[in-house]
Amino acid sequence: MAAGRNKFFQKYDINAYPIGSGVSQQLLLQYFSGAGEVTDVFTRWQRRRMLWYRKFAGTPSNFTLSEVQQSESKVTDVTISFRIPWEGQEAEEAIEVISARGDADLKALELRSGQSCQGKDGRRSVLPHLVECSSSLERVMLAYLVDAYHLKERTDTKGCISSKEVLRLHPRLAPYKVAIVTGAGQELRDLTDYLAVEFANARLRMWYIQGTATVGSHESQYTRFDEMGIPYSISVNENTVKTGVCLLRNRDTTLKQQVHITELVKYVAKLVQAY
C-alpha cells in the first residue's frame, strides 16, 4: 500500500508548555500505512527519529526512548526525552511523542465529512493506519542549546583559573557557519565585503557587519564567536591582502590553519557538509 507523509506547523496552547511565551510551534509528521505494516512502520520511525536527534548532539546518550505505552483509546505511544541538568540533578524533558494511532482518526473523519478515506492495498480497499510524530520546536531547540553549552576552564600565565563559555552547536544547526575577524583599513574592508558576498552566494551564513572593523583583539573576538556557537572563524590582516592567505580557526579544537581566500568558501562548505 502506498504511504503518504504530511509535514506542517500547528499552533497550540502555550499554557501547556513550561518554557517561553507567545506562540509555540508543534512539528507534526504523519505517515499512513496498511494495517499489516503499521508495527514495522512504528518501529522504523522510532529508530529514524532517535538517529536524527543523536546525530546532531554533542552527548547523544542524553536523548532516550521510553517504553511503549498504550492508552485507553488504544493509541500506542513512545516518548523521546532529553536529560537536562537541573540544580545538580538531572530531569528528563519530553521533546517528541511517536504514536501508532490505528485507523480511528480516519474513521472519525469519514463520519464528519461523509467521504471515504480508504486507499488501495493491492486490489483491496482498506482504511490506512496512522503513525504520527509530534514534537515541539521550542523544546527541541532548548535541548540542543543545553547539549551544546559548555564551560571550559583555562589558566593564564599568572596561574589564575577562569572559565570560558562555549556553545558547541553542531555545524549543521549553527545559524552562522563562519565569522570574520579583521581590522581597520579600506583594503581589509573591501576584502571582507568580498568574502561576505562569496559565502552568501554559497548559502553559508557569515557573521559580519558590512563596513565595520572588528572591535577588540583577535582572541577576544574568538571568545565572543565561541559563545555564539559559530563553528569557524576567519582571520584576515594586512598579510592576507598581500599573499591571499588567511587563518581559519576551528571553534571546538581552537586549531588554526592557513587557507588561501580562493579556496576558502569551498573548504568551509566541505567542513560543514562532512558532519
Protein backbone atom coordinates (compact mmCIF):
# COMPACT_ATOMS: atom_id res chain seq x y z
CA MET A 1 0.00 0.00 0.00
CA ALA A 2 1.33 3.42 -0.91
CA ALA A 3 2.09 5.50 2.15
CA GLY A 4 1.75 9.25 2.40
CA ARG A 5 3.58 11.85 4.53
CA ASN A 6 2.47 15.27 5.59
CA LYS A 7 4.57 17.88 7.40
CA PHE A 8 3.15 21.11 8.73
CA PHE A 9 3.28 23.65 11.57
CA GLN A 10 0.42 23.78 14.02
CA LYS A 11 -0.29 26.28 16.81
CA TYR A 12 -1.35 25.04 20.20
CA ASP A 13 -2.00 26.24 23.75
CA ILE A 14 1.16 27.82 25.18
CA ASN A 15 -0.14 27.33 28.73
CA ALA A 16 0.53 23.62 28.34
CA TYR A 17 4.23 24.40 27.96
CA PRO A 18 6.62 25.37 30.76
CA ILE A 19 9.05 27.42 28.64
CA GLY A 20 8.82 30.60 26.62
CA SER A 21 5.91 32.84 25.87
CA GLY A 22 3.82 33.81 22.89
CA VAL A 23 3.05 31.37 20.07
CA SER A 24 4.64 27.95 20.27
CA GLN A 25 5.10 25.66 17.29
CA GLN A 26 4.29 21.97 17.08
CA LEU A 27 6.00 19.93 14.37
CA LEU A 28 3.81 17.11 13.14
CA LEU A 29 4.67 14.32 10.73
CA GLN A 30 2.00 11.80 9.70
CA TYR A 31 2.70 8.54 7.91
CA PHE A 32 -0.07 6.28 6.58
CA SER A 33 0.39 2.54 6.07
CA GLY A 34 -1.56 -0.66 5.77
CA ALA A 35 -2.73 -2.47 8.90
CA GLY A 36 -0.26 -5.31 8.33
CA GLU A 37 2.71 -2.93 8.07
CA VAL A 38 1.94 -0.50 10.88
CA THR A 39 4.05 -2.29 13.52
CA ASP A 40 7.13 -2.23 11.30
CA VAL A 41 6.48 1.40 10.35
CA PHE A 42 6.06 2.38 14.02
CA THR A 43 9.36 0.71 14.94
CA ARG A 44 11.16 2.20 11.95
CA TRP A 45 10.10 5.74 12.81
CA GLN A 46 11.31 5.31 16.39
CA ARG A 47 14.73 4.36 15.07
CA ARG A 48 14.80 7.15 12.50
CA ARG A 49 13.86 9.88 14.96
CA MET A 50 16.36 8.72 17.58
CA LEU A 51 19.14 8.60 14.97
CA TRP A 52 18.22 12.11 13.86
CA TYR A 53 18.36 13.60 17.36
CA ARG A 54 21.59 11.84 18.28
CA LYS A 55 23.28 12.76 15.00
CA PHE A 56 23.35 16.45 15.92
CA ALA A 57 24.04 16.05 19.65
CA GLY A 58 27.34 16.52 21.45
CA THR A 59 26.24 13.92 24.01
CA PRO A 60 23.97 11.52 22.09
CA SER A 61 23.20 9.40 25.18
CA ASN A 62 21.21 12.31 26.66
CA PHE A 63 18.44 11.50 24.18
CA THR A 64 16.46 8.50 25.41
CA LEU A 65 13.46 6.48 24.22
CA SER A 66 10.74 5.41 26.66
CA GLU A 67 9.00 2.08 26.88
CA VAL A 68 5.97 1.50 24.68
CA GLN A 69 2.75 2.61 26.37
CA GLN A 70 -0.86 2.14 25.36
CA SER A 71 -3.67 4.49 26.34
CA GLU A 72 -7.32 3.68 26.98
CA SER A 73 -8.12 4.82 23.44
CA LYS A 74 -5.77 2.08 22.17
CA VAL A 75 -3.18 4.59 20.94
CA THR A 76 0.36 3.23 21.31
CA ASP A 77 2.99 5.83 22.25
CA VAL A 78 6.71 6.12 22.83
CA THR A 79 8.37 9.31 24.05
CA ILE A 80 11.78 10.72 23.13
CA SER A 81 13.20 12.68 26.07
CA PHE A 82 16.30 14.75 26.77
CA ARG A 83 18.20 14.72 30.07
CA ILE A 84 18.58 18.28 31.37
CA PRO A 85 20.83 19.12 34.36
CA TRP A 86 18.75 20.90 36.99
CA GLU A 87 20.28 22.23 40.21
CA GLY A 88 22.86 19.48 40.45
CA GLN A 89 20.43 16.78 39.37
CA GLU A 90 19.03 15.55 36.09
CA ALA A 91 15.50 15.88 34.77
CA GLU A 92 14.04 14.36 31.63
CA GLU A 93 12.12 16.66 29.31
CA ALA A 94 9.84 15.11 26.68
CA ILE A 95 10.57 16.56 23.25
CA GLU A 96 8.72 14.21 20.91
CA VAL A 97 5.94 11.64 21.02
CA ILE A 98 5.66 8.91 18.37
CA SER A 99 2.19 7.35 18.19
CA ALA A 100 0.60 4.44 16.38
CA ARG A 101 -2.94 5.78 16.23
CA GLY A 102 -4.59 3.00 14.24
CA ASP A 103 -7.48 3.91 11.93
CA ALA A 104 -9.71 5.67 14.49
CA ASP A 105 -8.85 9.18 13.27
CA LEU A 106 -9.73 8.39 9.67
CA LYS A 107 -12.96 6.67 10.73
CA ALA A 108 -13.95 9.82 12.63
CA LEU A 109 -13.03 11.92 9.59
CA GLU A 110 -15.25 9.75 7.38
CA LEU A 111 -18.18 10.28 9.74
CA ARG A 112 -17.68 14.05 9.82
CA SER A 113 -17.07 14.55 6.12
CA GLY A 114 -19.26 11.83 4.63
CA GLN A 115 -16.40 10.95 2.28
CA SER A 116 -14.37 7.77 2.07
CA CYS A 117 -10.78 7.81 3.31
CA GLN A 118 -9.95 4.34 2.05
CA GLY A 119 -6.91 3.59 -0.07
CA LYS A 120 -5.81 0.72 -2.27
CA ASP A 121 -3.76 -2.15 -0.82
CA GLY A 122 -3.28 -4.29 -3.90
CA ARG A 123 -6.81 -4.98 -5.12
CA ARG A 124 -8.42 -4.33 -1.77
CA SER A 125 -9.80 -1.05 -0.49
CA VAL A 126 -8.71 -0.55 3.11
CA LEU A 127 -8.62 2.22 5.68
CA PRO A 128 -4.98 3.25 6.32
CA HIS A 129 -3.45 3.24 9.80
CA LEU A 130 -1.70 6.36 11.05
CA VAL A 131 1.77 6.69 12.62
CA GLU A 132 2.35 10.21 13.94
CA CYS A 133 5.49 12.00 15.16
CA SER A 134 4.71 15.12 17.22
CA SER A 135 7.42 17.39 18.62
CA SER A 136 7.80 20.91 19.97
CA LEU A 137 10.14 23.26 18.13
CA GLU A 138 10.86 25.17 21.36
CA ARG A 139 11.67 22.07 23.40
CA VAL A 140 13.92 20.68 20.68
CA MET A 141 15.76 23.99 20.48
CA LEU A 142 16.15 24.05 24.27
CA ALA A 143 17.52 20.50 24.24
CA TYR A 144 20.18 21.32 21.67
CA LEU A 145 21.16 24.57 23.39
CA VAL A 146 21.60 22.76 26.71
CA ASP A 147 23.50 19.98 24.97
CA ALA A 148 25.83 22.48 23.28
CA TYR A 149 26.57 24.65 26.33
CA HIS A 150 29.99 24.03 27.90
CA LEU A 151 32.15 25.75 30.48
CA LYS A 152 35.87 25.44 29.77
CA GLU A 153 38.41 26.24 32.45
CA ARG A 154 41.66 27.89 31.44
CA THR A 155 44.76 29.03 33.30
CA ASP A 156 46.56 32.23 32.35
CA THR A 157 50.29 32.95 32.58
CA LYS A 158 49.88 34.06 36.21
CA GLY A 159 48.22 30.81 37.25
CA CYS A 160 44.77 32.32 37.61
CA ILE A 161 41.93 29.99 36.62
CA SER A 162 38.98 31.38 34.70
CA SER A 163 36.06 29.82 32.89
CA LYS A 164 35.08 30.31 29.28
CA GLU A 165 31.62 29.70 27.86
CA VAL A 166 31.42 27.80 24.57
CA LEU A 167 28.27 26.92 22.63
CA ARG A 168 29.24 23.80 20.71
CA LEU A 169 26.34 23.71 18.29
CA HIS A 170 26.58 21.14 15.55
CA PRO A 171 27.75 22.91 12.34
CA ARG A 172 24.51 21.92 10.59
CA LEU A 173 22.43 23.53 13.38
CA ALA A 174 24.53 26.67 13.91
CA PRO A 175 22.70 29.69 12.40
CA TYR A 176 26.04 31.19 11.33
CA LYS A 177 28.69 28.84 9.95
CA VAL A 178 31.59 31.27 9.95
CA ALA A 179 32.60 34.63 11.41
CA ILE A 180 35.27 37.05 10.27
CA VAL A 181 37.92 38.80 12.36
CA THR A 182 39.54 41.79 10.70
CA GLY A 183 40.99 45.21 11.40
CA ALA A 184 40.71 48.76 10.15
CA GLY A 185 41.60 49.93 6.68
CA GLN A 186 39.80 50.20 3.39
CA GLU A 187 41.61 47.26 1.79
CA LEU A 188 40.61 44.94 4.63
CA ARG A 189 37.01 46.15 4.49
CA ASP A 190 36.92 45.55 0.73
CA LEU A 191 38.31 42.06 1.24
CA THR A 192 35.82 41.14 3.96
CA ASP A 193 32.95 42.55 1.88
CA TYR A 194 34.09 40.29 -0.97
CA LEU A 195 34.22 37.25 1.32
CA ALA A 196 30.75 38.04 2.68
CA VAL A 197 29.34 38.03 -0.87
CA GLU A 198 31.12 34.77 -1.74
CA PHE A 199 29.80 33.00 1.37
CA ALA A 200 26.29 34.35 0.75
CA ASN A 201 26.40 33.01 -2.83
CA ALA A 202 27.39 29.61 -1.43
CA ARG A 203 24.43 29.76 1.01
CA LEU A 204 26.76 29.78 4.03
CA ARG A 205 25.78 32.43 6.58
CA MET A 206 28.70 34.53 7.80
CA TRP A 207 28.64 36.80 10.85
CA TYR A 208 29.94 40.10 9.59
CA ILE A 209 28.60 43.65 9.76
CA GLN A 210 29.44 45.34 6.49
CA GLY A 211 31.58 48.46 6.64
CA THR A 212 32.73 47.99 10.25
CA ALA A 213 36.03 46.89 11.70
CA THR A 214 36.48 44.28 14.39
CA VAL A 215 36.43 45.65 17.94
CA GLY A 216 38.95 44.15 20.37
CA SER A 217 41.81 41.71 19.93
CA HIS A 218 41.56 38.64 17.77
CA GLU A 219 41.45 36.37 20.82
CA SER A 220 38.60 38.35 22.38
CA GLN A 221 36.71 38.04 19.10
CA TYR A 222 37.33 34.29 19.00
CA THR A 223 35.91 34.06 22.52
CA ARG A 224 32.83 36.01 21.50
CA PHE A 225 32.21 33.82 18.46
CA ASP A 226 32.68 30.66 20.56
CA GLU A 227 29.94 31.93 22.86
CA MET A 228 27.71 32.50 19.83
CA GLY A 229 28.19 28.91 18.69
CA ILE A 230 29.86 29.81 15.36
CA PRO A 231 31.92 26.76 14.26
CA TYR A 232 34.62 28.56 12.26
CA SER A 233 36.32 31.95 12.38
CA ILE A 234 38.38 33.59 9.63
CA SER A 235 41.19 35.99 10.48
CA VAL A 236 42.32 38.43 7.78
CA ASN A 237 45.03 41.08 8.12
CA GLU A 238 47.43 43.12 6.03
CA ASN A 239 49.39 39.98 5.16
CA THR A 240 46.20 38.48 3.68
CA VAL A 241 45.94 41.46 1.32
CA LYS A 242 49.50 40.78 0.10
CA THR A 243 49.50 36.97 -0.07
CA GLY A 244 45.82 35.99 -0.14
CA VAL A 245 46.36 33.65 2.83
CA CYS A 246 44.07 33.83 5.87
CA LEU A 247 43.73 31.85 9.10
CA LEU A 248 40.76 29.53 9.61
CA ARG A 249 40.07 28.62 13.25
CA ASN A 250 38.01 25.68 14.49
CA ARG A 251 35.79 26.52 17.49
CA ASP A 252 35.98 23.07 19.10
CA THR A 253 39.70 22.36 18.67
CA THR A 254 40.90 26.02 18.59
CA LEU A 255 43.38 24.92 15.92
CA LYS A 256 44.17 27.37 13.13
CA GLN A 257 45.21 26.59 9.59
CA GLN A 258 46.26 28.66 6.63
CA VAL A 259 43.85 28.72 3.69
CA HIS A 260 44.03 30.82 0.53
CA ILE A 261 40.97 33.01 0.05
CA THR A 262 40.31 31.49 -3.39
CA GLU A 263 39.77 28.09 -1.71
CA LEU A 264 38.17 29.34 1.49
CA VAL A 265 34.46 29.10 0.63
CA LYS A 266 34.73 25.62 -0.90
CA TYR A 267 36.82 24.39 2.01
CA VAL A 268 34.40 25.66 4.68
CA ALA A 269 31.47 24.16 2.75
CA LYS A 270 33.23 20.77 2.76
CA LEU A 271 33.86 21.04 6.51
CA VAL A 272 30.19 21.79 7.22
CA GLN A 273 28.89 19.05 4.91
CA ALA A 274 31.30 16.49 6.36
CA TYR A 275 29.37 16.39 9.66
